[in-house]
Every structure is written in structure tokens, then in C-alpha cells.
């Protein structure tokens, strides 16, 4: 699992490096059951979106794989940006080797940069919670309680 921050309110593209075997470096997505050679031979048809993923194929405008760099390129639709939140919205990919004998999951948590942490959470029933998040893009820097909600945004989880 690795989290990726959308660094602006309009950023929709992410590049994610895949690392095979035990070459964990703390920055990329490690696939322990797939080797570097498997990644060299990998095709986009070997990568599918898991049924449990919160983001689906219809949320993406592009999903490509560069086998020379071992990089996934993901482009989100405009409407998909609204699905991302401060807790991270997961894209879960099933990745299998060319011969189909090895498989791993890549769990990519995508979150919006301007959400820093839940300010408060309100249980609205039916397992729904309304969260108010602090907004980093707000230009208001004061602490006046009558103005502070102008820099908070609602979000359901």
C-alpha cells in the first residue's frame, strides 16, 4: 500500500513506480510475488482493477504501463477528483505475471492535498459520517470562530 497526494486541486495524473521482489525502498509499490523480469514483460492487459476497489475503470481516463521504467500512469476524470478525500480513496489493481503463475495486488491510496485531517465527524446514520476537513488552500489565516468554517469543507466517508 502506498499513498499518493494530488498536489493541486486540478492534478489528475499520477505516475507510480512498481518494484518487484524484495527490493522495497519505501517510495514505490513493492510487489513481493512478482520479479523485476516479470515487470519487464508485463503488459497493460495483465493489470486489472479489483472488484473491491473504490475507484473503478470508469473513474479513469487513462491507465498505462511502461515496461522499460516499470511505471504505471494513471489519469483521473474530473468527477473522480471529488471522490478522493482526506482518508485516501483506494485504487486496487490485480497484477499478474505474463505466464499467469504469479500475482500481486497494488493498493494505491489517492488523497487530495488540501485536506489535512478531520476537523470533526458527525454520525448521520446508516454508516455515514459527515466530516469537516481543514482546507490548506484557504487564504484565511485568522482564528475568529465566526470565520473558521469558511476554511472547512464537508466530506462524507
C-alpha atoms as a PDB file:
ATOM      1  CA  UNK A   1       0.000   0.000   0.000  1.00  0.00           C
ATOM      2  CA  UNK A   2       1.266   3.444  -0.862  1.00  0.00           C
ATOM      3  CA  UNK A   3      -0.432   6.829  -0.609  1.00  0.00           C
ATOM      4  CA  UNK A   4      -0.196   9.444  -3.334  1.00  0.00           C
ATOM      5  CA  UNK A   5      -1.044  13.083  -2.801  1.00  0.00           C
ATOM      6  CA  UNK A   6      -2.743  15.073  -5.555  1.00  0.00           C
ATOM      7  CA  UNK A   7      -0.568  18.167  -5.220  1.00  0.00           C
ATOM      8  CA  UNK A   8      -3.106  20.627  -6.614  1.00  0.00           C
ATOM      9  CA  UNK A   9      -6.857  20.886  -6.938  1.00  0.00           C
ATOM     10  CA  UNK A  10      -6.625  20.210 -10.675  1.00  0.00           C
ATOM     11  CA  UNK A  11      -3.976  17.473 -10.765  1.00  0.00           C
ATOM     12  CA  UNK A  12      -5.405  14.306 -12.291  1.00  0.00           C
ATOM     13  CA  UNK A  13      -2.276  12.422 -13.357  1.00  0.00           C
ATOM     14  CA  UNK A  14      -0.129  10.121 -11.235  1.00  0.00           C
ATOM     15  CA  UNK A  15       2.978   8.125 -12.092  1.00  0.00           C
ATOM     16  CA  UNK A  16       3.620   5.132  -9.882  1.00  0.00           C
ATOM     17  CA  UNK A  17       6.781   3.036  -9.950  1.00  0.00           C
ATOM     18  CA  UNK A  18       6.429  -0.704  -9.375  1.00  0.00           C
ATOM     19  CA  UNK A  19       9.240  -2.678  -7.737  1.00  0.00           C
ATOM     20  CA  UNK A  20       9.402  -6.457  -7.939  1.00  0.00           C
ATOM     21  CA  UNK A  21      10.669  -8.983  -5.412  1.00  0.00           C
ATOM     22  CA  UNK A  22      12.199  -7.877  -2.140  1.00  0.00           C
ATOM     23  CA  UNK A  23      13.558  -4.555  -3.439  1.00  0.00           C
ATOM     24  CA  UNK A  24      11.461  -2.463  -1.061  1.00  0.00           C
ATOM     25  CA  UNK A  25      12.654   1.145  -0.996  1.00  0.00           C
ATOM     26  CA  UNK A  26       9.863   2.927   0.903  1.00  0.00           C
ATOM     27  CA  UNK A  27       8.814   5.115  -2.034  1.00  0.00           C
ATOM     28  CA  UNK A  28       7.410   2.784  -4.669  1.00  0.00           C
ATOM     29  CA  UNK A  29       4.854  -0.016  -4.689  1.00  0.00           C
ATOM     30  CA  UNK A  30       6.531  -3.299  -3.851  1.00  0.00           C
ATOM     31  CA  UNK A  31       5.166  -6.463  -5.467  1.00  0.00           C
ATOM     32  CA  UNK A  32       6.817  -9.289  -3.483  1.00  0.00           C
ATOM     33  CA  UNK A  33       5.494 -12.162  -5.634  1.00  0.00           C
ATOM     34  CA  UNK A  34       6.482 -10.609  -8.973  1.00  0.00           C
ATOM     35  CA  UNK A  35      10.102 -10.290 -10.117  1.00  0.00           C
ATOM     36  CA  UNK A  36      11.810  -7.460 -11.992  1.00  0.00           C
ATOM     37  CA  UNK A  37      11.864  -9.749 -15.059  1.00  0.00           C
ATOM     38  CA  UNK A  38       8.084 -10.184 -14.747  1.00  0.00           C
ATOM     39  CA  UNK A  39       7.747  -6.385 -14.682  1.00  0.00           C
ATOM     40  CA  UNK A  40       9.866  -6.171 -17.858  1.00  0.00           C
ATOM     41  CA  UNK A  41       7.405  -8.500 -19.624  1.00  0.00           C
ATOM     42  CA  UNK A  42       4.250  -7.001 -18.108  1.00  0.00           C
ATOM     43  CA  UNK A  43       1.542  -5.666 -20.439  1.00  0.00           C
ATOM     44  CA  UNK A  44      -1.397  -3.446 -19.538  1.00  0.00           C
ATOM     45  CA  UNK A  45      -3.691  -6.433 -20.165  1.00  0.00           C
ATOM     46  CA  UNK A  46      -2.005  -8.131 -17.156  1.00  0.00           C
ATOM     47  CA  UNK A  47      -3.274  -5.331 -14.885  1.00  0.00           C
ATOM     48  CA  UNK A  48      -6.941  -5.300 -13.854  1.00  0.00           C
ATOM     49  CA  UNK A  49      -8.918  -3.253 -11.365  1.00  0.00           C
ATOM     50  CA  UNK A  50     -10.043  -5.346  -8.395  1.00  0.00           C
ATOM     51  CA  UNK A  51     -13.785  -5.617  -7.721  1.00  0.00           C
ATOM     52  CA  UNK A  52     -13.249  -4.259  -4.185  1.00  0.00           C
ATOM     53  CA  UNK A  53     -11.571  -1.064  -5.467  1.00  0.00           C
ATOM     54  CA  UNK A  54     -13.397   2.178  -4.626  1.00  0.00           C
ATOM     55  CA  UNK A  55     -12.129   3.641  -7.894  1.00  0.00           C
ATOM     56  CA  UNK A  56     -13.316   1.772 -10.990  1.00  0.00           C
ATOM     57  CA  UNK A  57     -12.314   1.822 -14.657  1.00  0.00           C
ATOM     58  CA  UNK A  58     -14.992   4.433 -15.376  1.00  0.00           C
ATOM     59  CA  UNK A  59     -13.215   6.787 -12.923  1.00  0.00           C
ATOM     60  CA  UNK A  60     -10.053   6.804 -15.039  1.00  0.00           C
ATOM     61  CA  UNK A  61      -9.358   8.430 -18.387  1.00  0.00           C
ATOM     62  CA  UNK A  62      -6.104   6.531 -18.775  1.00  0.00           C
ATOM     63  CA  UNK A  63      -4.238   3.588 -17.258  1.00  0.00           C
ATOM     64  CA  UNK A  64      -0.974   2.697 -18.993  1.00  0.00           C
ATOM     65  CA  UNK A  65       2.185   0.790 -18.119  1.00  0.00           C
ATOM     66  CA  UNK A  66       5.752   1.495 -19.266  1.00  0.00           C
ATOM     67  CA  UNK A  67       7.668  -1.802 -19.027  1.00  0.00           C
ATOM     68  CA  UNK A  68      11.055  -0.110 -19.553  1.00  0.00           C
ATOM     69  CA  UNK A  69      10.616   2.099 -16.470  1.00  0.00           C
ATOM     70  CA  UNK A  70       8.218  -0.195 -14.537  1.00  0.00           C
ATOM     71  CA  UNK A  71       5.835   2.759 -14.194  1.00  0.00           C
ATOM     72  CA  UNK A  72       2.056   2.929 -14.108  1.00  0.00           C
ATOM     73  CA  UNK A  73       0.474   6.119 -15.394  1.00  0.00           C
ATOM     74  CA  UNK A  74      -2.987   6.891 -14.081  1.00  0.00           C
ATOM     75  CA  UNK A  75      -5.225   9.756 -15.178  1.00  0.00           C
ATOM     76  CA  UNK A  76      -8.382  10.501 -13.223  1.00  0.00           C
ATOM     77  CA  UNK A  77     -11.569  12.015 -14.619  1.00  0.00           C
ATOM     78  CA  UNK A  78     -12.653  15.420 -13.314  1.00  0.00           C
ATOM     79  CA  UNK A  79     -15.606  13.893 -11.456  1.00  0.00           C
ATOM     80  CA  UNK A  80     -13.274  11.361  -9.832  1.00  0.00           C
ATOM     81  CA  UNK A  81     -11.364  14.142  -8.088  1.00  0.00           C
ATOM     82  CA  UNK A  82     -14.482  14.696  -5.971  1.00  0.00           C
ATOM     83  CA  UNK A  83     -14.382  11.034  -4.866  1.00  0.00           C
ATOM     84  CA  UNK A  84     -10.947  11.472  -3.315  1.00  0.00           C
ATOM     85  CA  UNK A  85     -10.817  12.559   0.304  1.00  0.00           C
ATOM     86  CA  UNK A  86      -8.518  13.079   3.257  1.00  0.00           C
ATOM     87  CA  UNK A  87      -8.608   9.420   4.245  1.00  0.00           C
ATOM     88  CA  UNK A  88      -7.427   8.397   0.779  1.00  0.00           C
ATOM     89  CA  UNK A  89      -9.526   6.743  -1.899  1.00  0.00           C
ATOM     90  CA  UNK A  90      -8.176   3.370  -2.919  1.00  0.00           C
ATOM     91  CA  UNK A  91      -7.456   2.100  -6.391  1.00  0.00           C
ATOM     92  CA  UNK A  92      -6.749  -1.628  -6.066  1.00  0.00           C
ATOM     93  CA  UNK A  93      -5.027  -3.304  -9.000  1.00  0.00           C
ATOM     94  CA  UNK A  94      -4.510  -7.016  -9.595  1.00  0.00           C
ATOM     95  CA  UNK A  95      -1.195  -7.557 -11.362  1.00  0.00           C
ATOM     96  CA  UNK A  96      -0.279 -10.965 -12.752  1.00  0.00           C
ATOM     97  CA  UNK A  97       2.865 -12.192 -14.477  1.00  0.00           C
ATOM     98  CA  UNK A  98       2.866 -12.794 -18.229  1.00  0.00           C
ATOM     99  CA  UNK A  99       2.560 -16.563 -17.745  1.00  0.00           C
ATOM    100  CA  UNK A 100      -0.176 -16.096 -15.113  1.00  0.00           C
ATOM    101  CA  UNK A 101       1.637 -18.081 -12.407  1.00  0.00           C
ATOM    102  CA  UNK A 102       2.390 -15.110 -10.115  1.00  0.00           C
ATOM    103  CA  UNK A 103       0.029 -12.418  -8.874  1.00  0.00           C
ATOM    104  CA  UNK A 104       0.109  -9.415  -6.547  1.00  0.00           C
ATOM    105  CA  UNK A 105      -2.179  -6.566  -5.558  1.00  0.00           C
ATOM    106  CA  UNK A 106      -1.149  -2.935  -5.761  1.00  0.00           C
ATOM    107  CA  UNK A 107      -3.180  -0.760  -3.388  1.00  0.00           C
ATOM    108  CA  UNK A 108      -2.885   2.913  -4.265  1.00  0.00           C
ATOM    109  CA  UNK A 109      -4.370   5.433  -1.840  1.00  0.00           C
ATOM    110  CA  UNK A 110      -5.101   8.723  -3.608  1.00  0.00           C
ATOM    111  CA  UNK A 111      -5.939  11.764  -1.488  1.00  0.00           C
ATOM    112  CA  UNK A 112      -6.470  15.457  -2.058  1.00  0.00           C
ATOM    113  CA  UNK A 113      -3.688  17.763  -0.953  1.00  0.00           C
ATOM    114  CA  UNK A 114      -5.831  20.411   0.658  1.00  0.00           C
ATOM    115  CA  UNK A 115      -7.340  18.069   3.212  1.00  0.00           C
ATOM    116  CA  UNK A 116      -5.088  17.902   6.241  1.00  0.00           C
ATOM    117  CA  UNK A 117      -7.130  15.997   8.831  1.00  0.00           C
ATOM    118  CA  UNK A 118     -10.711  15.622  10.032  1.00  0.00           C
ATOM    119  CA  UNK A 119     -11.805  18.675  11.989  1.00  0.00           C
ATOM    120  CA  UNK A 120     -14.805  16.843  13.353  1.00  0.00           C
ATOM    121  CA  UNK A 121     -17.056  13.981  12.380  1.00  0.00           C
ATOM    122  CA  UNK A 122     -20.848  13.708  12.695  1.00  0.00           C
ATOM    123  CA  UNK A 123     -22.621  10.331  12.545  1.00  0.00           C
ATOM    124  CA  UNK A 124     -25.595  10.839  10.215  1.00  0.00           C
ATOM    125  CA  UNK A 125     -26.804   7.212  10.465  1.00  0.00           C
ATOM    126  CA  UNK A 126     -26.683   4.257   8.070  1.00  0.00           C
ATOM    127  CA  UNK A 127     -22.899   4.021   8.495  1.00  0.00           C
ATOM    128  CA  UNK A 128     -22.456   7.512   7.022  1.00  0.00           C
ATOM    129  CA  UNK A 129     -20.283  10.139   8.683  1.00  0.00           C
ATOM    130  CA  UNK A 130     -20.090  13.793   7.706  1.00  0.00           C
ATOM    131  CA  UNK A 131     -16.547  15.053   8.174  1.00  0.00           C
ATOM    132  CA  UNK A 132     -15.442  18.665   8.100  1.00  0.00           C
ATOM    133  CA  UNK A 133     -11.866  18.952   6.901  1.00  0.00           C
ATOM    134  CA  UNK A 134      -9.459  21.843   7.187  1.00  0.00           C
ATOM    135  CA  UNK A 135      -8.628  23.331   3.814  1.00  0.00           C
ATOM    136  CA  UNK A 136      -4.977  24.202   3.083  1.00  0.00           C
ATOM    137  CA  UNK A 137      -5.963  26.277   0.066  1.00  0.00           C
ATOM    138  CA  UNK A 138      -7.923  28.743   2.172  1.00  0.00           C
ATOM    139  CA  UNK A 139      -6.426  32.226   2.312  1.00  0.00           C
ATOM    140  CA  UNK A 140      -7.950  32.891   5.746  1.00  0.00           C
ATOM    141  CA  UNK A 141      -5.306  32.630   8.467  1.00  0.00           C
ATOM    142  CA  UNK A 142      -7.212  34.027  11.452  1.00  0.00           C
ATOM    143  CA  UNK A 143      -8.786  32.196  14.365  1.00  0.00           C
ATOM    144  CA  UNK A 144     -12.112  34.043  14.623  1.00  0.00           C
ATOM    145  CA  UNK A 145     -14.687  31.270  15.292  1.00  0.00           C
ATOM    146  CA  UNK A 146     -17.285  33.004  13.106  1.00  0.00           C
ATOM    147  CA  UNK A 147     -14.919  32.762  10.111  1.00  0.00           C
ATOM    148  CA  UNK A 148     -13.175  29.435  10.704  1.00  0.00           C
ATOM    149  CA  UNK A 149     -15.879  27.344   8.984  1.00  0.00           C
ATOM    150  CA  UNK A 150     -15.151  29.224   5.762  1.00  0.00           C
ATOM    151  CA  UNK A 151     -11.905  27.273   5.601  1.00  0.00           C
ATOM    152  CA  UNK A 152     -13.522  23.890   6.309  1.00  0.00           C
ATOM    153  CA  UNK A 153     -15.186  21.718   3.693  1.00  0.00           C
ATOM    154  CA  UNK A 154     -17.716  18.904   4.174  1.00  0.00           C
ATOM    155  CA  UNK A 155     -16.891  15.369   3.130  1.00  0.00           C
ATOM    156  CA  UNK A 156     -18.786  12.093   3.531  1.00  0.00           C
ATOM    157  CA  UNK A 157     -16.995   8.873   4.378  1.00  0.00           C
END
